[in-house]
Amino acid sequence: MTVRERSFDPVATAFSAIENASRSPVSREDVRRMLETGSGDPSHLRALFGDVDLHTLCRLAALFAIDNRTLARAYVAARRTVAAANSELDEFAAQFNS
């Protein structure tokens, strides 16, 4: 019997966090935009940056070809505009003087 190895899907993790926090639909493009700009539906932003761990966010950013500095700026924008909060991301953003 062959055991199929499950691969980790950071997009599915982001969708799960967002869908647990909001009834508004979310798309892959929405996630990309939030990671790149820190803009979007407030509940989606709070769930993405507040409930998804830094490692997964970094994997998502890499998947969408978003560099760490841009991710840090997006988090700071979301923190400022919709009160997204994540202590790991605060430390991460501080590395970039964001």
PDB file of N, CA and C in Angstrom:
ATOM      1  N   MET A   1       0.852  -1.173   0.000  1.00  0.00           N
ATOM      2  CA  MET A   1       0.000   0.000   0.000  1.00  0.00           C
ATOM      3  C   MET A   1       0.900   1.239   0.000  1.00  0.00           C
ATOM      4  N   THR A   2       0.593   2.169  -0.840  1.00  0.00           N
ATOM      5  CA  THR A   2       1.349   3.403  -0.942  1.00  0.00           C
ATOM      6  C   THR A   2       0.639   4.491  -0.158  1.00  0.00           C
ATOM      7  N   VAL A   3       1.397   5.197   0.629  1.00  0.00           N
ATOM      8  CA  VAL A   3       0.843   6.308   1.393  1.00  0.00           C
ATOM      9  C   VAL A   3       1.137   7.586   0.617  1.00  0.00           C
ATOM     10  N   ARG A   4       0.112   8.320   0.320  1.00  0.00           N
ATOM     11  CA  ARG A   4       0.289   9.581  -0.400  1.00  0.00           C
ATOM     12  C   ARG A   4       0.676  10.661   0.594  1.00  0.00           C
ATOM     13  N   GLU A   5       1.754  11.324   0.289  1.00  0.00           N
ATOM     14  CA  GLU A   5       2.203  12.403   1.150  1.00  0.00           C
ATOM     15  C   GLU A   5       1.374  13.640   0.855  1.00  0.00           C
ATOM     16  N   ARG A   6       0.892  14.259   1.900  1.00  0.00           N
ATOM     17  CA  ARG A   6       0.115  15.475   1.739  1.00  0.00           C
ATOM     18  C   ARG A   6       1.090  16.643   1.666  1.00  0.00           C
ATOM     19  N   SER A   7       0.870  17.510   0.732  1.00  0.00           N
ATOM     20  CA  SER A   7       1.724  18.677   0.657  1.00  0.00           C
ATOM     21  C   SER A   7       0.991  19.856   1.293  1.00  0.00           C
ATOM     22  N   PHE A   8       1.743  20.703   1.922  1.00  0.00           N
ATOM     23  CA  PHE A   8       1.197  21.875   2.586  1.00  0.00           C
ATOM     24  C   PHE A   8       0.802  22.899   1.539  1.00  0.00           C
ATOM     25  N   ASP A   9      -0.399  23.422   1.627  1.00  0.00           N
ATOM     26  CA  ASP A   9      -0.904  24.415   0.682  1.00  0.00           C
ATOM     27  C   ASP A   9      -1.142  25.727   1.418  1.00  0.00           C
ATOM     28  N   PRO A  10      -0.209  26.691   1.299  1.00  0.00           N
ATOM     29  CA  PRO A  10      -0.377  27.952   2.020  1.00  0.00           C
ATOM     30  C   PRO A  10      -1.608  28.742   1.576  1.00  0.00           C
ATOM     31  N   VAL A  11      -2.022  28.597   0.325  1.00  0.00           N
ATOM     32  CA  VAL A  11      -3.220  29.300  -0.147  1.00  0.00           C
ATOM     33  C   VAL A  11      -4.452  28.749   0.567  1.00  0.00           C
ATOM     34  N   ALA A  12      -4.532  27.436   0.707  1.00  0.00           N
ATOM     35  CA  ALA A  12      -5.663  26.829   1.415  1.00  0.00           C
ATOM     36  C   ALA A  12      -5.687  27.272   2.874  1.00  0.00           C
ATOM     37  N   THR A  13      -4.520  27.418   3.481  1.00  0.00           N
ATOM     38  CA  THR A  13      -4.441  27.885   4.860  1.00  0.00           C
ATOM     39  C   THR A  13      -4.977  29.307   4.967  1.00  0.00           C
ATOM     40  N   ALA A  14      -4.584  30.176   4.031  1.00  0.00           N
ATOM     41  CA  ALA A  14      -5.078  31.554   4.028  1.00  0.00           C
ATOM     42  C   ALA A  14      -6.591  31.589   3.816  1.00  0.00           C
ATOM     43  N   PHE A  15      -7.077  30.820   2.856  1.00  0.00           N
ATOM     44  CA  PHE A  15      -8.521  30.765   2.615  1.00  0.00           C
ATOM     45  C   PHE A  15      -9.267  30.323   3.867  1.00  0.00           C
ATOM     46  N   SER A  16      -8.757  29.308   4.532  1.00  0.00           N
ATOM     47  CA  SER A  16      -9.412  28.794   5.727  1.00  0.00           C
ATOM     48  C   SER A  16      -9.506  29.869   6.807  1.00  0.00           C
ATOM     49  N   ALA A  17      -8.414  30.569   7.057  1.00  0.00           N
ATOM     50  CA  ALA A  17      -8.415  31.629   8.074  1.00  0.00           C
ATOM     51  C   ALA A  17      -9.408  32.723   7.715  1.00  0.00           C
ATOM     52  N   ILE A  18      -9.409  33.125   6.463  1.00  0.00           N
ATOM     53  CA  ILE A  18     -10.296  34.206   6.020  1.00  0.00           C
ATOM     54  C   ILE A  18     -11.751  33.758   6.062  1.00  0.00           C
ATOM     55  N   GLU A  19     -12.024  32.553   5.582  1.00  0.00           N
ATOM     56  CA  GLU A  19     -13.406  32.060   5.564  1.00  0.00           C
ATOM     57  C   GLU A  19     -13.952  31.828   6.971  1.00  0.00           C
ATOM     58  N   ASN A  20     -13.078  31.572   7.938  1.00  0.00           N
ATOM     59  CA  ASN A  20     -13.516  31.436   9.327  1.00  0.00           C
ATOM     60  C   ASN A  20     -13.898  32.784   9.928  1.00  0.00           C
ATOM     61  N   ALA A  21     -13.402  33.868   9.356  1.00  0.00           N
ATOM     62  CA  ALA A  21     -13.628  35.197   9.908  1.00  0.00           C
ATOM     63  C   ALA A  21     -14.670  36.010   9.134  1.00  0.00           C
ATOM     64  N   SER A  22     -15.020  35.574   7.938  1.00  0.00           N
ATOM     65  CA  SER A  22     -15.875  36.398   7.088  1.00  0.00           C
ATOM     66  C   SER A  22     -16.740  35.536   6.186  1.00  0.00           C
ATOM     67  N   ARG A  23     -17.906  36.039   5.899  1.00  0.00           N
ATOM     68  CA  ARG A  23     -18.777  35.355   4.934  1.00  0.00           C
ATOM     69  C   ARG A  23     -18.557  35.871   3.518  1.00  0.00           C
ATOM     70  N   SER A  24     -17.813  36.953   3.383  1.00  0.00           N
ATOM     71  CA  SER A  24     -17.509  37.514   2.061  1.00  0.00           C
ATOM     72  C   SER A  24     -16.555  36.580   1.326  1.00  0.00           C
ATOM     73  N   PRO A  25     -16.804  36.351   0.049  1.00  0.00           N
ATOM     74  CA  PRO A  25     -15.934  35.454  -0.708  1.00  0.00           C
ATOM     75  C   PRO A  25     -14.525  36.038  -0.860  1.00  0.00           C
ATOM     76  N   VAL A  26     -13.554  35.155  -0.988  1.00  0.00           N
ATOM     77  CA  VAL A  26     -12.168  35.559  -1.189  1.00  0.00           C
ATOM     78  C   VAL A  26     -11.593  34.737  -2.336  1.00  0.00           C
ATOM     79  N   SER A  27     -10.754  35.364  -3.135  1.00  0.00           N
ATOM     80  CA  SER A  27     -10.131  34.674  -4.265  1.00  0.00           C
ATOM     81  C   SER A  27      -8.618  34.672  -4.094  1.00  0.00           C
ATOM     82  N   ARG A  28      -7.984  33.879  -4.889  1.00  0.00           N
ATOM     83  CA  ARG A  28      -6.517  33.818  -4.898  1.00  0.00           C
ATOM     84  C   ARG A  28      -5.945  35.202  -5.202  1.00  0.00           C
ATOM     85  N   GLU A  29      -6.539  35.900  -6.131  1.00  0.00           N
ATOM     86  CA  GLU A  29      -6.084  37.247  -6.487  1.00  0.00           C
ATOM     87  C   GLU A  29      -6.261  38.212  -5.310  1.00  0.00           C
ATOM     88  N   ASP A  30      -7.333  38.055  -4.536  1.00  0.00           N
ATOM     89  CA  ASP A  30      -7.530  38.879  -3.329  1.00  0.00           C
ATOM     90  C   ASP A  30      -6.377  38.669  -2.353  1.00  0.00           C
ATOM     91  N   VAL A  31      -5.996  37.414  -2.154  1.00  0.00           N
ATOM     92  CA  VAL A  31      -4.905  37.100  -1.231  1.00  0.00           C
ATOM     93  C   VAL A  31      -3.614  37.736  -1.738  1.00  0.00           C
ATOM     94  N   ARG A  32      -3.338  37.602  -3.007  1.00  0.00           N
ATOM     95  CA  ARG A  32      -2.136  38.205  -3.589  1.00  0.00           C
ATOM     96  C   ARG A  32      -2.123  39.709  -3.356  1.00  0.00           C
ATOM     97  N   ARG A  33      -3.241  40.359  -3.616  1.00  0.00           N
ATOM     98  CA  ARG A  33      -3.330  41.818  -3.454  1.00  0.00           C
ATOM     99  C   ARG A  33      -3.133  42.224  -1.991  1.00  0.00           C
ATOM    100  N   MET A  34      -3.726  41.483  -1.076  1.00  0.00           N
ATOM    101  CA  MET A  34      -3.570  41.805   0.341  1.00  0.00           C
ATOM    102  C   MET A  34      -2.113  41.680   0.769  1.00  0.00           C
ATOM    103  N   LEU A  35      -1.441  40.638   0.305  1.00  0.00           N
ATOM    104  CA  LEU A  35      -0.031  40.444   0.651  1.00  0.00           C
ATOM    105  C   LEU A  35       0.869  41.498   0.021  1.00  0.00           C
ATOM    106  N   GLU A  36       0.454  42.014  -1.099  1.00  0.00           N
ATOM    107  CA  GLU A  36       1.270  42.981  -1.833  1.00  0.00           C
ATOM    108  C   GLU A  36       1.023  44.417  -1.389  1.00  0.00           C
ATOM    109  N   THR A  37      -0.225  44.722  -1.013  1.00  0.00           N
ATOM    110  CA  THR A  37      -0.567  46.124  -0.740  1.00  0.00           C
ATOM    111  C   THR A  37      -1.113  46.385   0.651  1.00  0.00           C
ATOM    112  N   GLY A  38      -1.593  45.354   1.319  1.00  0.00           N
ATOM    113  CA  GLY A  38      -2.224  45.561   2.618  1.00  0.00           C
ATOM    114  C   GLY A  38      -3.604  46.169   2.502  1.00  0.00           C
ATOM    115  N   SER A  39      -4.195  46.080   1.321  1.00  0.00           N
ATOM    116  CA  SER A  39      -5.539  46.626   1.121  1.00  0.00           C
ATOM    117  C   SER A  39      -6.505  45.500   0.783  1.00  0.00           C
ATOM    118  N   GLY A  40      -7.775  45.752   1.082  1.00  0.00           N
ATOM    119  CA  GLY A  40      -8.805  44.758   0.809  1.00  0.00           C
ATOM    120  C   GLY A  40      -9.881  44.810   1.870  1.00  0.00           C
ATOM    121  N   ASP A  41     -10.703  43.805   1.898  1.00  0.00           N
ATOM    122  CA  ASP A  41     -11.777  43.693   2.881  1.00  0.00           C
ATOM    123  C   ASP A  41     -11.162  43.677   4.283  1.00  0.00           C
ATOM    124  N   PRO A  42     -11.611  44.561   5.175  1.00  0.00           N
ATOM    125  CA  PRO A  42     -11.016  44.635   6.512  1.00  0.00           C
ATOM    126  C   PRO A  42     -10.999  43.311   7.277  1.00  0.00           C
ATOM    127  N   SER A  43     -12.086  42.555   7.231  1.00  0.00           N
ATOM    128  CA  SER A  43     -12.091  41.285   7.960  1.00  0.00           C
ATOM    129  C   SER A  43     -11.129  40.284   7.332  1.00  0.00           C
ATOM    130  N   HIS A  44     -10.979  40.333   6.023  1.00  0.00           N
ATOM    131  CA  HIS A  44     -10.031  39.455   5.345  1.00  0.00           C
ATOM    132  C   HIS A  44      -8.602  39.803   5.759  1.00  0.00           C
ATOM    133  N   LEU A  45      -8.307  41.092   5.787  1.00  0.00           N
ATOM    134  CA  LEU A  45      -6.962  41.532   6.176  1.00  0.00           C
ATOM    135  C   LEU A  45      -6.630  41.142   7.614  1.00  0.00           C
ATOM    136  N   ARG A  46      -7.568  41.367   8.513  1.00  0.00           N
ATOM    137  CA  ARG A  46      -7.324  41.012   9.919  1.00  0.00           C
ATOM    138  C   ARG A  46      -7.102  39.508  10.071  1.00  0.00           C
ATOM    139  N   ALA A  47      -7.877  38.709   9.355  1.00  0.00           N
ATOM    140  CA  ALA A  47      -7.713  37.252   9.431  1.00  0.00           C
ATOM    141  C   ALA A  47      -6.395  36.817   8.799  1.00  0.00           C
ATOM    142  N   LEU A  48      -6.080  37.337   7.639  1.00  0.00           N
ATOM    143  CA  LEU A  48      -4.845  36.943   6.956  1.00  0.00           C
ATOM    144  C   LEU A  48      -3.623  37.293   7.786  1.00  0.00           C
ATOM    145  N   PHE A  49      -3.530  38.540   8.218  1.00  0.00           N
ATOM    146  CA  PHE A  49      -2.338  38.969   8.940  1.00  0.00           C
ATOM    147  C   PHE A  49      -2.389  38.636  10.425  1.00  0.00           C
ATOM    148  N   GLY A  50      -3.563  38.394  10.968  1.00  0.00           N
ATOM    149  CA  GLY A  50      -3.669  38.091  12.388  1.00  0.00           C
ATOM    150  C   GLY A  50      -3.690  36.611  12.715  1.00  0.00           C
ATOM    151  N   ASP A  51      -4.234  35.787  11.823  1.00  0.00           N
ATOM    152  CA  ASP A  51      -4.427  34.369  12.130  1.00  0.00           C
ATOM    153  C   ASP A  51      -3.474  33.426  11.395  1.00  0.00           C
ATOM    154  N   VAL A  52      -2.844  33.903  10.342  1.00  0.00           N
ATOM    155  CA  VAL A  52      -1.926  33.061   9.574  1.00  0.00           C
ATOM    156  C   VAL A  52      -0.505  33.347  10.065  1.00  0.00           C
ATOM    157  N   ASP A  53       0.238  32.295  10.382  1.00  0.00           N
ATOM    158  CA  ASP A  53       1.569  32.502  10.953  1.00  0.00           C
ATOM    159  C   ASP A  53       2.553  33.059   9.924  1.00  0.00           C
ATOM    160  N   LEU A  54       3.622  33.645  10.439  1.00  0.00           N
ATOM    161  CA  LEU A  54       4.614  34.315   9.598  1.00  0.00           C
ATOM    162  C   LEU A  54       5.209  33.377   8.562  1.00  0.00           C
ATOM    163  N   HIS A  55       5.533  32.159   8.950  1.00  0.00           N
ATOM    164  CA  HIS A  55       6.133  31.208   8.011  1.00  0.00           C
ATOM    165  C   HIS A  55       5.205  30.977   6.811  1.00  0.00           C
ATOM    166  N   THR A  56       3.932  30.798   7.072  1.00  0.00           N
ATOM    167  CA  THR A  56       2.969  30.570   5.993  1.00  0.00           C
ATOM    168  C   THR A  56       2.817  31.820   5.130  1.00  0.00           C
ATOM    169  N   LEU A  57       2.780  32.989   5.758  1.00  0.00           N
ATOM    170  CA  LEU A  57       2.693  34.238   4.987  1.00  0.00           C
ATOM    171  C   LEU A  57       3.906  34.405   4.081  1.00  0.00           C
ATOM    172  N   CYS A  58       5.081  34.056   4.577  1.00  0.00           N
ATOM    173  CA  CYS A  58       6.292  34.145   3.753  1.00  0.00           C
ATOM    174  C   CYS A  58       6.232  33.168   2.581  1.00  0.00           C
ATOM    175  N   ARG A  59       5.700  31.977   2.831  1.00  0.00           N
ATOM    176  CA  ARG A  59       5.538  31.005   1.731  1.00  0.00           C
ATOM    177  C   ARG A  59       4.538  31.515   0.696  1.00  0.00           C
ATOM    178  N   LEU A  60       3.452  32.115   1.188  1.00  0.00           N
ATOM    179  CA  LEU A  60       2.470  32.695   0.267  1.00  0.00           C
ATOM    180  C   LEU A  60       3.097  33.804  -0.560  1.00  0.00           C
ATOM    181  N   ALA A  61       3.826  34.685   0.099  1.00  0.00           N
ATOM    182  CA  ALA A  61       4.470  35.788  -0.605  1.00  0.00           C
ATOM    183  C   ALA A  61       5.416  35.250  -1.681  1.00  0.00           C
ATOM    184  N   ALA A  62       6.206  34.246  -1.343  1.00  0.00           N
ATOM    185  CA  ALA A  62       7.123  33.658  -2.326  1.00  0.00           C
ATOM    186  C   ALA A  62       6.351  33.053  -3.500  1.00  0.00           C
ATOM    187  N   LEU A  63       5.237  32.410  -3.200  1.00  0.00           N
ATOM    188  CA  LEU A  63       4.399  31.826  -4.243  1.00  0.00           C
ATOM    189  C   LEU A  63       3.930  32.883  -5.241  1.00  0.00           C
ATOM    190  N   PHE A  64       3.637  34.089  -4.726  1.00  0.00           N
ATOM    191  CA  PHE A  64       3.165  35.183  -5.575  1.00  0.00           C
ATOM    192  C   PHE A  64       4.293  36.120  -6.009  1.00  0.00           C
ATOM    193  N   ALA A  65       5.553  35.729  -5.771  1.00  0.00           N
ATOM    194  CA  ALA A  65       6.727  36.524  -6.140  1.00  0.00           C
ATOM    195  C   ALA A  65       6.716  37.907  -5.474  1.00  0.00           C
ATOM    196  N   ILE A  66       6.334  37.927  -4.210  1.00  0.00           N
ATOM    197  CA  ILE A  66       6.309  39.160  -3.419  1.00  0.00           C
ATOM    198  C   ILE A  66       7.494  39.092  -2.456  1.00  0.00           C
ATOM    199  N   ASP A  67       8.347  40.120  -2.479  1.00  0.00           N
ATOM    200  CA  ASP A  67       9.530  40.099  -1.620  1.00  0.00           C
ATOM    201  C   ASP A  67       9.155  40.433  -0.174  1.00  0.00           C
ATOM    202  N   ASN A  68      10.075  40.138   0.731  1.00  0.00           N
ATOM    203  CA  ASN A  68       9.813  40.322   2.164  1.00  0.00           C
ATOM    204  C   ASN A  68       9.546  41.773   2.535  1.00  0.00           C
ATOM    205  N   ARG A  69      10.244  42.704   1.930  1.00  0.00           N
ATOM    206  CA  ARG A  69      10.030  44.124   2.228  1.00  0.00           C
ATOM    207  C   ARG A  69       8.604  44.538   1.856  1.00  0.00           C
ATOM    208  N   THR A  70       8.127  44.082   0.715  1.00  0.00           N
ATOM    209  CA  THR A  70       6.767  44.403   0.281  1.00  0.00           C
ATOM    210  C   THR A  70       5.751  43.783   1.224  1.00  0.00           C
ATOM    211  N   LEU A  71       5.981  42.540   1.636  1.00  0.00           N
ATOM    212  CA  LEU A  71       5.099  41.875   2.602  1.00  0.00           C
ATOM    213  C   LEU A  71       5.058  42.670   3.905  1.00  0.00           C
ATOM    214  N   ALA A  72       6.209  43.107   4.383  1.00  0.00           N
ATOM    215  CA  ALA A  72       6.266  43.889   5.623  1.00  0.00           C
ATOM    216  C   ALA A  72       5.490  45.187   5.488  1.00  0.00           C
ATOM    217  N   ARG A  73       5.651  45.867   4.370  1.00  0.00           N
ATOM    218  CA  ARG A  73       4.904  47.117   4.143  1.00  0.00           C
ATOM    219  C   ARG A  73       3.405  46.873   4.077  1.00  0.00           C
ATOM    220  N   ALA A  74       2.999  45.768   3.462  1.00  0.00           N
ATOM    221  CA  ALA A  74       1.576  45.440   3.374  1.00  0.00           C
ATOM    222  C   ALA A  74       1.011  45.200   4.769  1.00  0.00           C
ATOM    223  N   TYR A  75       1.756  44.488   5.601  1.00  0.00           N
ATOM    224  CA  TYR A  75       1.294  44.255   6.966  1.00  0.00           C
ATOM    225  C   TYR A  75       1.157  45.573   7.721  1.00  0.00           C
ATOM    226  N   VAL A  76       2.136  46.443   7.610  1.00  0.00           N
ATOM    227  CA  VAL A  76       2.086  47.730   8.308  1.00  0.00           C
ATOM    228  C   VAL A  76       0.878  48.533   7.836  1.00  0.00           C
ATOM    229  N   ALA A  77       0.602  48.503   6.534  1.00  0.00           N
ATOM    230  CA  ALA A  77      -0.575  49.214   6.011  1.00  0.00           C
ATOM    231  C   ALA A  77      -1.852  48.619   6.594  1.00  0.00           C
ATOM    232  N   ALA A  78      -1.944  47.298   6.654  1.00  0.00           N
ATOM    233  CA  ALA A  78      -3.134  46.637   7.214  1.00  0.00           C
ATOM    234  C   ALA A  78      -3.250  46.917   8.714  1.00  0.00           C
ATOM    235  N   ARG A  79      -2.129  46.945   9.395  1.00  0.00           N
ATOM    236  CA  ARG A  79      -2.141  47.250  10.835  1.00  0.00           C
ATOM    237  C   ARG A  79      -2.661  48.668  11.058  1.00  0.00           C
ATOM    238  N   ARG A  80      -2.212  49.584  10.228  1.00  0.00           N
ATOM    239  CA  ARG A  80      -2.602  50.995  10.357  1.00  0.00           C
ATOM    240  C   ARG A  80      -4.068  51.227   9.981  1.00  0.00           C
ATOM    241  N   THR A  81      -4.539  50.594   8.934  1.00  0.00           N
ATOM    242  CA  THR A  81      -5.883  50.893   8.439  1.00  0.00           C
ATOM    243  C   THR A  81      -6.999  50.052   9.038  1.00  0.00           C
ATOM    244  N   VAL A  82      -6.703  48.784   9.374  1.00  0.00           N
ATOM    245  CA  VAL A  82      -7.780  47.913   9.874  1.00  0.00           C
ATOM    246  C   VAL A  82      -7.432  47.223  11.190  1.00  0.00           C
ATOM    247  N   ALA A  83      -6.351  47.653  11.806  1.00  0.00           N
ATOM    248  CA  ALA A  83      -5.922  47.120  13.105  1.00  0.00           C
ATOM    249  C   ALA A  83      -5.569  45.631  13.057  1.00  0.00           C
ATOM    250  N   ALA A  84      -5.002  45.184  11.946  1.00  0.00           N
ATOM    251  CA  ALA A  84      -4.474  43.824  11.895  1.00  0.00           C
ATOM    252  C   ALA A  84      -3.348  43.739  12.912  1.00  0.00           C
ATOM    253  N   ALA A  85      -3.293  42.666  13.671  1.00  0.00           N
ATOM    254  CA  ALA A  85      -2.284  42.574  14.720  1.00  0.00           C
ATOM    255  C   ALA A  85      -1.638  41.198  14.751  1.00  0.00           C
ATOM    256  N   ASN A  86      -0.300  41.191  14.785  1.00  0.00           N
ATOM    257  CA  ASN A  86       0.446  39.949  14.841  1.00  0.00           C
ATOM    258  C   ASN A  86       1.847  40.282  15.343  1.00  0.00           C
ATOM    259  N   SER A  87       2.193  39.810  16.526  1.00  0.00           N
ATOM    260  CA  SER A  87       3.491  40.154  17.115  1.00  0.00           C
ATOM    261  C   SER A  87       4.663  39.635  16.277  1.00  0.00           C
ATOM    262  N   GLU A  88       4.509  38.464  15.663  1.00  0.00           N
ATOM    263  CA  GLU A  88       5.566  37.951  14.776  1.00  0.00           C
ATOM    264  C   GLU A  88       5.789  38.901  13.607  1.00  0.00           C
ATOM    265  N   LEU A  89       4.699  39.389  13.040  1.00  0.00           N
ATOM    266  CA  LEU A  89       4.815  40.305  11.910  1.00  0.00           C
ATOM    267  C   LEU A  89       5.337  41.668  12.339  1.00  0.00           C
ATOM    268  N   ASP A  90       5.044  42.089  13.565  1.00  0.00           N
ATOM    269  CA  ASP A  90       5.615  43.345  14.063  1.00  0.00           C
ATOM    270  C   ASP A  90       7.141  43.252  14.057  1.00  0.00           C
ATOM    271  N   GLU A  91       7.674  42.143  14.559  1.00  0.00           N
ATOM    272  CA  GLU A  91       9.121  41.945  14.576  1.00  0.00           C
ATOM    273  C   GLU A  91       9.674  41.836  13.161  1.00  0.00           C
ATOM    274  N   PHE A  92       8.973  41.112  12.308  1.00  0.00           N
ATOM    275  CA  PHE A  92       9.386  40.957  10.915  1.00  0.00           C
ATOM    276  C   PHE A  92       9.441  42.313  10.225  1.00  0.00           C
ATOM    277  N   ALA A  93       8.404  43.124  10.380  1.00  0.00           N
ATOM    278  CA  ALA A  93       8.343  44.437   9.741  1.00  0.00           C
ATOM    279  C   ALA A  93       9.420  45.374  10.274  1.00  0.00           C
ATOM    280  N   ALA A  94       9.761  45.239  11.540  1.00  0.00           N
ATOM    281  CA  ALA A  94      10.794  46.095  12.132  1.00  0.00           C
ATOM    282  C   ALA A  94      12.144  45.909  11.460  1.00  0.00           C
ATOM    283  N   GLN A  95      12.389  44.731  10.917  1.00  0.00           N
ATOM    284  CA  GLN A  95      13.640  44.466  10.198  1.00  0.00           C
ATOM    285  C   GLN A  95      13.796  45.365   8.987  1.00  0.00           C
ATOM    286  N   PHE A  96      12.672  45.827   8.459  1.00  0.00           N
ATOM    287  CA  PHE A  96      12.676  46.639   7.244  1.00  0.00           C
ATOM    288  C   PHE A  96      12.344  48.099   7.553  1.00  0.00           C
ATOM    289  N   ASN A  97      12.389  48.445   8.835  1.00  0.00           N
ATOM    290  CA  ASN A  97      12.049  49.803   9.275  1.00  0.00           C
ATOM    291  C   ASN A  97      10.666  50.202   8.786  1.00  0.00           C
ATOM    292  N   SER A  98       9.761  49.231   8.749  1.00  0.00           N
ATOM    293  CA  SER A  98       8.393  49.493   8.273  1.00  0.00           C
ATOM    294  C   SER A  98       7.490  49.838   9.435  1.00  0.00           C
TER     295      SER A  98
END
